[in-house]
Structure formats: structure tokens, C-alpha cells
C-alpha atoms as a PDB file:
ATOM      1  CA  UNK A   1     196.159 226.434  79.735  1.00  0.00           C
ATOM      2  CA  UNK A   2     196.087 223.026  78.043  1.00  0.00           C
ATOM      3  CA  UNK A   3     197.536 220.081  79.971  1.00  0.00           C
ATOM      4  CA  UNK A   4     198.767 217.205  77.835  1.00  0.00           C
ATOM      5  CA  UNK A   5     198.855 213.738  79.411  1.00  0.00           C
ATOM      6  CA  UNK A   6     200.813 210.877  77.924  1.00  0.00           C
ATOM      7  CA  UNK A   7     198.806 207.683  77.411  1.00  0.00           C
ATOM      8  CA  UNK A   8     200.886 205.797  79.995  1.00  0.00           C
ATOM      9  CA  UNK A   9     200.395 208.558  82.578  1.00  0.00           C
ATOM     10  CA  UNK A  10     196.644 208.405  82.019  1.00  0.00           C
ATOM     11  CA  UNK A  11     196.630 204.625  82.460  1.00  0.00           C
ATOM     12  CA  UNK A  12     198.583 204.886  85.703  1.00  0.00           C
ATOM     13  CA  UNK A  13     196.216 207.568  87.001  1.00  0.00           C
ATOM     14  CA  UNK A  14     193.157 205.464  86.199  1.00  0.00           C
ATOM     15  CA  UNK A  15     194.629 202.393  87.869  1.00  0.00           C
ATOM     16  CA  UNK A  16     195.495 204.329  91.014  1.00  0.00           C
ATOM     17  CA  UNK A  17     191.998 205.819  91.140  1.00  0.00           C
ATOM     18  CA  UNK A  18     190.386 202.387  90.715  1.00  0.00           C
ATOM     19  CA  UNK A  19     192.573 200.885  93.421  1.00  0.00           C
ATOM     20  CA  UNK A  20     191.930 203.552  96.010  1.00  0.00           C
ATOM     21  CA  UNK A  21     188.219 203.774  95.208  1.00  0.00           C
ATOM     22  CA  UNK A  22     188.070 200.017  95.733  1.00  0.00           C
ATOM     23  CA  UNK A  23     189.856 200.310  99.061  1.00  0.00           C
ATOM     24  CA  UNK A  24     187.505 203.085 100.133  1.00  0.00           C
ATOM     25  CA  UNK A  25     184.508 200.916  99.278  1.00  0.00           C
ATOM     26  CA  UNK A  26     185.868 198.033 101.339  1.00  0.00           C
ATOM     27  CA  UNK A  27     186.566 200.263 104.310  1.00  0.00           C
ATOM     28  CA  UNK A  28     183.114 201.864 104.052  1.00  0.00           C
ATOM     29  CA  UNK A  29     181.450 198.454 103.867  1.00  0.00           C
ATOM     30  CA  UNK A  30     183.378 197.369 106.956  1.00  0.00           C
ATOM     31  CA  UNK A  31     182.937 193.654 106.277  1.00  0.00           C
ATOM     32  CA  UNK A  32     186.533 192.775 105.605  1.00  0.00           C
ATOM     33  CA  UNK A  33     189.232 192.740 108.243  1.00  0.00           C
ATOM     34  CA  UNK A  34     192.918 191.919 107.902  1.00  0.00           C
ATOM     35  CA  UNK A  35     193.971 188.478 109.105  1.00  0.00           C
ATOM     36  CA  UNK A  36     197.097 189.920 110.694  1.00  0.00           C
ATOM     37  CA  UNK A  37     197.021 192.358 113.585  1.00  0.00           C
ATOM     38  CA  UNK A  38     199.354 193.994 116.057  1.00  0.00           C
ATOM     39  CA  UNK A  39     200.664 191.294 118.366  1.00  0.00           C
ATOM     40  CA  UNK A  40     201.911 192.211 121.856  1.00  0.00           C
ATOM     41  CA  UNK A  41     202.266 195.853 120.804  1.00  0.00           C
ATOM     42  CA  UNK A  42     204.427 194.876 117.802  1.00  0.00           C
ATOM     43  CA  UNK A  43     203.050 196.120 114.465  1.00  0.00           C
ATOM     44  CA  UNK A  44     202.927 193.664 111.583  1.00  0.00           C
ATOM     45  CA  UNK A  45     205.739 194.118 109.064  1.00  0.00           C
ATOM     46  CA  UNK A  46     205.069 192.856 105.556  1.00  0.00           C
ATOM     47  CA  UNK A  47     208.328 191.479 104.190  1.00  0.00           C
ATOM     48  CA  UNK A  48     208.178 191.685 100.412  1.00  0.00           C
ATOM     49  CA  UNK A  49     210.569 189.330  98.653  1.00  0.00           C
ATOM     50  CA  UNK A  50     211.337 189.928  94.952  1.00  0.00           C
ATOM     51  CA  UNK A  51     212.476 186.442  93.980  1.00  0.00           C
ATOM     52  CA  UNK A  52     215.940 185.830  92.496  1.00  0.00           C
ATOM     53  CA  UNK A  53     218.097 188.801  91.430  1.00  0.00           C
ATOM     54  CA  UNK A  54     221.504 189.668  90.005  1.00  0.00           C
ATOM     55  CA  UNK A  55     223.200 186.725  88.316  1.00  0.00           C
ATOM     56  CA  UNK A  56     220.224 184.537  89.279  1.00  0.00           C
ATOM     57  CA  UNK A  57     217.593 185.663  86.818  1.00  0.00           C
ATOM     58  CA  UNK A  58     215.120 182.914  87.710  1.00  0.00           C
ATOM     59  CA  UNK A  59     212.726 181.735  85.010  1.00  0.00           C
ATOM     60  CA  UNK A  60     213.487 183.023  81.503  1.00  0.00           C
ATOM     61  CA  UNK A  61     211.089 183.439  78.587  1.00  0.00           C
ATOM     62  CA  UNK A  62     211.914 181.954  75.135  1.00  0.00           C
ATOM     63  CA  UNK A  63     213.031 185.419  73.992  1.00  0.00           C
ATOM     64  CA  UNK A  64     215.296 185.966  76.996  1.00  0.00           C
ATOM     65  CA  UNK A  65     213.166 187.921  79.483  1.00  0.00           C
ATOM     66  CA  UNK A  66     214.275 186.998  83.035  1.00  0.00           C
ATOM     67  CA  UNK A  67     211.837 187.077  85.925  1.00  0.00           C
ATOM     68  CA  UNK A  68     214.094 188.816  88.462  1.00  0.00           C
ATOM     69  CA  UNK A  69     213.517 192.367  87.227  1.00  0.00           C
ATOM     70  CA  UNK A  70     209.773 191.860  86.830  1.00  0.00           C
ATOM     71  CA  UNK A  71     209.665 190.511  90.396  1.00  0.00           C
ATOM     72  CA  UNK A  72     211.447 193.626  91.630  1.00  0.00           C
ATOM     73  CA  UNK A  73     209.207 196.047  89.726  1.00  0.00           C
ATOM     74  CA  UNK A  74     206.009 194.458  91.075  1.00  0.00           C
ATOM     75  CA  UNK A  75     207.435 194.217  94.602  1.00  0.00           C
ATOM     76  CA  UNK A  76     208.392 197.905  94.712  1.00  0.00           C
ATOM     77  CA  UNK A  77     204.862 198.860  93.717  1.00  0.00           C
ATOM     78  CA  UNK A  78     203.373 196.557  96.364  1.00  0.00           C
ATOM     79  CA  UNK A  79     205.582 198.167  98.992  1.00  0.00           C
ATOM     80  CA  UNK A  80     204.517 201.667  97.929  1.00  0.00           C
ATOM     81  CA  UNK A  81     200.809 200.766  97.991  1.00  0.00           C
ATOM     82  CA  UNK A  82     200.992 199.009 101.367  1.00  0.00           C
ATOM     83  CA  UNK A  83     202.886 201.953 102.876  1.00  0.00           C
ATOM     84  CA  UNK A  84     200.258 204.325 101.497  1.00  0.00           C
ATOM     85  CA  UNK A  85     197.669 202.167 103.275  1.00  0.00           C
ATOM     86  CA  UNK A  86     199.588 202.551 106.553  1.00  0.00           C
ATOM     87  CA  UNK A  87     201.352 199.171 106.604  1.00  0.00           C
ATOM     88  CA  UNK A  88     204.972 198.629 107.610  1.00  0.00           C
ATOM     89  CA  UNK A  89     207.015 196.980 104.847  1.00  0.00           C
ATOM     90  CA  UNK A  90     210.506 195.645 104.359  1.00  0.00           C
ATOM     91  CA  UNK A  91     212.082 194.476 101.092  1.00  0.00           C
ATOM     92  CA  UNK A  92     214.564 191.604 100.890  1.00  0.00           C
ATOM     93  CA  UNK A  93     216.145 193.496  98.006  1.00  0.00           C
ATOM     94  CA  UNK A  94     215.490 196.848  96.357  1.00  0.00           C
ATOM     95  CA  UNK A  95     217.900 196.414  93.426  1.00  0.00           C
ATOM     96  CA  UNK A  96     218.621 193.716  90.851  1.00  0.00           C
ATOM     97  CA  UNK A  97     221.225 191.983  93.015  1.00  0.00           C
ATOM     98  CA  UNK A  98     221.914 188.650  94.676  1.00  0.00           C
ATOM     99  CA  UNK A  99     221.683 188.815  98.484  1.00  0.00           C
ATOM    100  CA  UNK A 100     224.668 186.631  99.199  1.00  0.00           C
ATOM    101  CA  UNK A 101     227.698 186.836 101.462  1.00  0.00           C
ATOM    102  CA  UNK A 102     230.920 188.132  99.966  1.00  0.00           C
ATOM    103  CA  UNK A 103     233.825 185.964  98.894  1.00  0.00           C
ATOM    104  CA  UNK A 104     231.872 182.960  97.619  1.00  0.00           C
ATOM    105  CA  UNK A 105     233.436 181.403  94.531  1.00  0.00           C
ATOM    106  CA  UNK A 106     230.668 179.353  92.903  1.00  0.00           C
ATOM    107  CA  UNK A 107     227.174 180.154  91.673  1.00  0.00           C
ATOM    108  CA  UNK A 108     225.750 177.364  93.827  1.00  0.00           C
ATOM    109  CA  UNK A 109     227.372 178.789  96.965  1.00  0.00           C
ATOM    110  CA  UNK A 110     226.044 182.258  96.188  1.00  0.00           C
ATOM    111  CA  UNK A 111     222.505 180.980  95.543  1.00  0.00           C
ATOM    112  CA  UNK A 112     222.516 179.006  98.787  1.00  0.00           C
ATOM    113  CA  UNK A 113     223.796 182.033 100.693  1.00  0.00           C
ATOM    114  CA  UNK A 114     221.150 184.212  99.041  1.00  0.00           C
ATOM    115  CA  UNK A 115     218.308 181.960 100.215  1.00  0.00           C
ATOM    116  CA  UNK A 116     219.680 181.677 103.736  1.00  0.00           C
ATOM    117  CA  UNK A 117     220.000 185.460 103.976  1.00  0.00           C
ATOM    118  CA  UNK A 118     216.374 185.904 102.893  1.00  0.00           C
ATOM    119  CA  UNK A 119     215.289 183.474 105.604  1.00  0.00           C
ATOM    120  CA  UNK A 120     217.432 185.343 108.134  1.00  0.00           C
ATOM    121  CA  UNK A 121     215.873 188.683 107.180  1.00  0.00           C
ATOM    122  CA  UNK A 122     212.342 187.323 107.631  1.00  0.00           C
ATOM    123  CA  UNK A 123     213.194 185.613 110.920  1.00  0.00           C
ATOM    124  CA  UNK A 124     214.809 188.719 112.405  1.00  0.00           C
ATOM    125  CA  UNK A 125     211.740 190.827 111.513  1.00  0.00           C
ATOM    126  CA  UNK A 126     209.361 190.808 114.459  1.00  0.00           C
ATOM    127  CA  UNK A 127     205.735 189.923 113.682  1.00  0.00           C
ATOM    128  CA  UNK A 128     206.508 189.401 109.995  1.00  0.00           C
ATOM    129  CA  UNK A 129     204.278 188.310 107.133  1.00  0.00           C
ATOM    130  CA  UNK A 130     206.027 187.286 103.913  1.00  0.00           C
ATOM    131  CA  UNK A 131     204.910 188.065 100.366  1.00  0.00           C
ATOM    132  CA  UNK A 132     207.306 186.426  97.889  1.00  0.00           C
ATOM    133  CA  UNK A 133     206.885 187.587  94.291  1.00  0.00           C
ATOM    134  CA  UNK A 134     207.803 185.326  91.360  1.00  0.00           C
ATOM    135  CA  UNK A 135     207.002 184.472  87.746  1.00  0.00           C
ATOM    136  CA  UNK A 136     206.089 180.999  86.535  1.00  0.00           C
ATOM    137  CA  UNK A 137     207.149 179.008  83.480  1.00  0.00           C
ATOM    138  CA  UNK A 138     205.818 175.861  81.810  1.00  0.00           C
ATOM    139  CA  UNK A 139     207.549 175.454  78.425  1.00  0.00           C
ATOM    140  CA  UNK A 140     205.669 172.204  77.741  1.00  0.00           C
ATOM    141  CA  UNK A 141     202.396 174.193  77.681  1.00  0.00           C
ATOM    142  CA  UNK A 142     202.966 177.670  76.203  1.00  0.00           C
ATOM    143  CA  UNK A 143     199.242 178.463  76.334  1.00  0.00           C
ATOM    144  CA  UNK A 144     199.092 178.179  80.145  1.00  0.00           C
ATOM    145  CA  UNK A 145     198.758 181.589  81.782  1.00  0.00           C
ATOM    146  CA  UNK A 146     197.461 183.414  84.839  1.00  0.00           C
ATOM    147  CA  UNK A 147     198.469 184.348  88.390  1.00  0.00           C
ATOM    148  CA  UNK A 148     198.378 181.827  91.232  1.00  0.00           C
ATOM    149  CA  UNK A 149     199.124 182.021  94.959  1.00  0.00           C
ATOM    150  CA  UNK A 150     200.699 179.415  97.243  1.00  0.00           C
ATOM    151  CA  UNK A 151     200.789 179.375 101.048  1.00  0.00           C
ATOM    152  CA  UNK A 152     203.199 177.917 103.588  1.00  0.00           C
ATOM    153  CA  UNK A 153     202.244 175.897 106.677  1.00  0.00           C
ATOM    154  CA  UNK A 154     202.168 178.763 109.168  1.00  0.00           C
ATOM    155  CA  UNK A 155     198.940 179.954 110.791  1.00  0.00           C
ATOM    156  CA  UNK A 156     197.104 182.553 108.715  1.00  0.00           C
ATOM    157  CA  UNK A 157     198.966 181.806 105.482  1.00  0.00           C
ATOM    158  CA  UNK A 158     196.084 179.927 103.853  1.00  0.00           C
ATOM    159  CA  UNK A 159     193.678 182.805 104.528  1.00  0.00           C
ATOM    160  CA  UNK A 160     196.224 185.266 103.170  1.00  0.00           C
ATOM    161  CA  UNK A 161     196.678 183.273  99.961  1.00  0.00           C
ATOM    162  CA  UNK A 162     192.907 182.960  99.504  1.00  0.00           C
ATOM    163  CA  UNK A 163     192.445 186.721  99.880  1.00  0.00           C
ATOM    164  CA  UNK A 164     195.168 187.530  97.361  1.00  0.00           C
ATOM    165  CA  UNK A 165     193.975 184.871  94.900  1.00  0.00           C
ATOM    166  CA  UNK A 166     190.448 186.263  94.998  1.00  0.00           C
ATOM    167  CA  UNK A 167     191.712 189.715  94.006  1.00  0.00           C
ATOM    168  CA  UNK A 168     194.041 188.364  91.312  1.00  0.00           C
ATOM    169  CA  UNK A 169     191.215 186.328  89.799  1.00  0.00           C
ATOM    170  CA  UNK A 170     189.153 189.496  89.541  1.00  0.00           C
ATOM    171  CA  UNK A 171     191.983 191.710  88.306  1.00  0.00           C
ATOM    172  CA  UNK A 172     193.999 189.586  85.857  1.00  0.00           C
ATOM    173  CA  UNK A 173     192.551 186.058  85.639  1.00  0.00           C
ATOM    174  CA  UNK A 174     189.185 186.818  84.067  1.00  0.00           C
ATOM    175  CA  UNK A 175     187.781 183.552  82.704  1.00  0.00           C
ATOM    176  CA  UNK A 176     190.828 181.690  83.986  1.00  0.00           C
ATOM    177  CA  UNK A 177     190.304 181.592  87.749  1.00  0.00           C
ATOM    178  CA  UNK A 178     192.994 179.858  89.784  1.00  0.00           C
ATOM    179  CA  UNK A 179     192.774 178.259  93.210  1.00  0.00           C
ATOM    180  CA  UNK A 180     195.369 178.913  95.907  1.00  0.00           C
ATOM    181  CA  UNK A 181     197.456 175.893  96.869  1.00  0.00           C
ATOM    182  CA  UNK A 182     199.791 174.826  99.638  1.00  0.00           C
ATOM    183  CA  UNK A 183     203.392 175.185  98.561  1.00  0.00           C
ATOM    184  CA  UNK A 184     205.602 172.075  98.369  1.00  0.00           C
ATOM    185  CA  UNK A 185     208.199 171.597 101.092  1.00  0.00           C
ATOM    186  CA  UNK A 186     210.874 171.713  98.404  1.00  0.00           C
ATOM    187  CA  UNK A 187     210.682 175.526  98.360  1.00  0.00           C
ATOM    188  CA  UNK A 188     213.426 176.404 100.844  1.00  0.00           C
ATOM    189  CA  UNK A 189     212.424 179.954 101.780  1.00  0.00           C
ATOM    190  CA  UNK A 190     208.783 179.148 102.425  1.00  0.00           C
ATOM    191  CA  UNK A 191     209.460 176.019 104.486  1.00  0.00           C
ATOM    192  CA  UNK A 192     212.265 177.593 106.539  1.00  0.00           C
ATOM    193  CA  UNK A 193     210.471 180.628 107.987  1.00  0.00           C
ATOM    194  CA  UNK A 194     208.267 180.724 111.072  1.00  0.00           C
ATOM    195  CA  UNK A 195     206.173 183.602 109.672  1.00  0.00           C
ATOM    196  CA  UNK A 196     203.030 183.108 107.578  1.00  0.00           C
ATOM    197  CA  UNK A 197     203.907 183.461 103.928  1.00  0.00           C
ATOM    198  CA  UNK A 198     202.341 183.571 100.483  1.00  0.00           C
ATOM    199  CA  UNK A 199     204.216 183.074  97.239  1.00  0.00           C
ATOM    200  CA  UNK A 200     202.636 184.826  94.267  1.00  0.00           C
ATOM    201  CA  UNK A 201     203.368 183.506  90.773  1.00  0.00           C
ATOM    202  CA  UNK A 202     202.270 186.544  88.770  1.00  0.00           C
ATOM    203  CA  UNK A 203     202.205 184.885  85.365  1.00  0.00           C
ATOM    204  CA  UNK A 204     203.917 182.529  82.917  1.00  0.00           C
ATOM    205  CA  UNK A 205     207.036 183.620  81.051  1.00  0.00           C
ATOM    206  CA  UNK A 206     206.529 180.579  78.826  1.00  0.00           C
ATOM    207  CA  UNK A 207     203.403 182.301  77.454  1.00  0.00           C
ATOM    208  CA  UNK A 208     204.394 184.972  74.933  1.00  0.00           C
ATOM    209  CA  UNK A 209     201.381 187.320  75.291  1.00  0.00           C
ATOM    210  CA  UNK A 210     201.573 187.138  79.094  1.00  0.00           C
ATOM    211  CA  UNK A 211     205.318 187.849  78.995  1.00  0.00           C
ATOM    212  CA  UNK A 212     204.532 191.052  77.099  1.00  0.00           C
ATOM    213  CA  UNK A 213     201.954 192.071  79.684  1.00  0.00           C
ATOM    214  CA  UNK A 214     204.270 191.282  82.599  1.00  0.00           C
ATOM    215  CA  UNK A 215     206.819 193.772  81.243  1.00  0.00           C
ATOM    216  CA  UNK A 216     204.235 196.566  81.043  1.00  0.00           C
ATOM    217  CA  UNK A 217     204.463 198.988  84.020  1.00  0.00           C
ATOM    218  CA  UNK A 218     200.698 199.500  83.934  1.00  0.00           C
ATOM    219  CA  UNK A 219     200.096 195.749  84.202  1.00  0.00           C
ATOM    220  CA  UNK A 220     202.704 195.477  86.956  1.00  0.00           C
ATOM    221  CA  UNK A 221     200.791 198.126  88.880  1.00  0.00           C
ATOM    222  CA  UNK A 222     197.572 196.197  88.330  1.00  0.00           C
ATOM    223  CA  UNK A 223     199.164 193.078  89.804  1.00  0.00           C
ATOM    224  CA  UNK A 224     200.542 195.065  92.742  1.00  0.00           C
ATOM    225  CA  UNK A 225     197.152 196.610  93.463  1.00  0.00           C
ATOM    226  CA  UNK A 226     195.498 193.183  93.464  1.00  0.00           C
ATOM    227  CA  UNK A 227     198.111 191.710  95.819  1.00  0.00           C
ATOM    228  CA  UNK A 228     197.834 194.737  98.114  1.00  0.00           C
ATOM    229  CA  UNK A 229     194.041 194.585  98.191  1.00  0.00           C
ATOM    230  CA  UNK A 230     194.195 190.851  98.829  1.00  0.00           C
ATOM    231  CA  UNK A 231     196.524 191.319 101.779  1.00  0.00           C
ATOM    232  CA  UNK A 232     194.491 194.142 103.309  1.00  0.00           C
ATOM    233  CA  UNK A 233     191.243 192.200 102.991  1.00  0.00           C
ATOM    234  CA  UNK A 234     192.388 188.648 103.602  1.00  0.00           C
ATOM    235  CA  UNK A 235     189.760 188.203 106.327  1.00  0.00           C
ATOM    236  CA  UNK A 236     186.819 188.773 103.993  1.00  0.00           C
ATOM    237  CA  UNK A 237     186.150 185.066 103.380  1.00  0.00           C
ATOM    238  CA  UNK A 238     186.006 184.425 107.136  1.00  0.00           C
ATOM    239  CA  UNK A 239     183.492 187.211 107.624  1.00  0.00           C
ATOM    240  CA  UNK A 240     181.217 186.070 104.837  1.00  0.00           C
ATOM    241  CA  UNK A 241     181.006 182.398 105.752  1.00  0.00           C
ATOM    242  CA  UNK A 242     182.132 182.164 109.353  1.00  0.00           C
ATOM    243  CA  UNK A 243     184.950 179.866 108.337  1.00  0.00           C
ATOM    244  CA  UNK A 244     187.918 180.112 106.018  1.00  0.00           C
ATOM    245  CA  UNK A 245     187.616 178.394 102.662  1.00  0.00           C
END
């Protein structure tokens, strides 16, 4: 019997194998530990936030590709991988919709309601850690590309961002390493939650080649695997140096 595999299926299979072999190596080595643990018998829940959604497409590429659907695709894969690794997850949205209250008449009202509802979901989730997934854009510099992570001011967030950035640099930023940064207080969701949070800008929609990659399911899976590995091993830098960098 001859089994025919489509090219995309083969790519997905290889990526999954690489991800889980990498996780097995980390676990076997035993040097990396998660930053976040069960607290007072309450398991950690990773809240995964696909930024924007519905009528709010977020950043848009020059040829009309909106970030909201890319955010959702990457977020769903992150949730699947974290659940496979035994982590509890919760999505702020699982469809291309705006999470706003009903009956609001203006776009501004709906966007404000959407953000407040995301904050509410995180705050009502006990022992939460937030991963907010976005795409970047810098039309003034169309050559700028790469994935970068930002952390909020809550304890553990900086270590989380450093762990994820390390994996993204290895997976998608080859020769273009980024450094994690503290997020500005102007970002409402990240400043309004009491949980540690990291915002991942997966790439630049203002960069045409990167926009093409960001729409590729295989590349989306690669991003998701890097974010997942970064979360699971966010304590590695502490273990290696005795202090977080």
C-alpha cells in the first residue's frame, strides 16, 4: 500500500516532531523550570488573547491583510500545544469576532467594551497568566521584520517575555535577534490586569515577505511552538545564571 502525503501535511508533521522532540530534550535535561506554578492549590490558567477581531481588524498590510485572523490562527495553535503539554488554557475569543456588549451604537464604544471585557475575563480567571498575540506594522520602514515580546509590570512577566523571546529568536528571528521590552502604559489591556502578561508581536504586516509567511499555516505553527516552548521554559535563564536577565 502506498501512502501519499501532501507537502503541507509533511511540513506540519515535521514541525510537530521537532517541537515535541525539543520539549522532550528540555524535560530530560531538567534544567529549565516554569516560572509559574500552582498557587494555593489553584492551577495556573494561561489566558490566550488573540488581539482585535470582527470589525476591528487591527493592523493591515498594504495589500489588505488584517492581523485579527492571523492572531486567532496562532492563538488556537498555542492553546492546542499548551493543552497537549498539560497546561490549562482559556481563550478570550475563539472566532473572528469583537468581544463587546450588545446594543452599542458606535465603533469606539464597541472597541472600548471589547477591551474592558478582555480585562474582565483575565481578572476573573484565578491564577492567570496572559499571552496576548498581535502583529506589528511600521509603514515608514517596510524592511523591518521579526517577532518581539513585551512584558507588563506584574511579577514574573519579564522572565516570561525573556523565555518566549529566546525561543522566537531561535525559531524565526535568525540573524535578526530582538530583545524583550517593557510595554508602555498606553496599552490598556496590559496595564489594567493584575496577572503577569506578555504581548507577542509575531511579525510586521508592513513587510511584504513577512506578511506572506504570517499567512502560512506552517509558519503560524512554528510561531506557536516557539511561544509554547518559551512559556514552558521561562525559568531557564534563572537556572543558568542564578538571576533573571
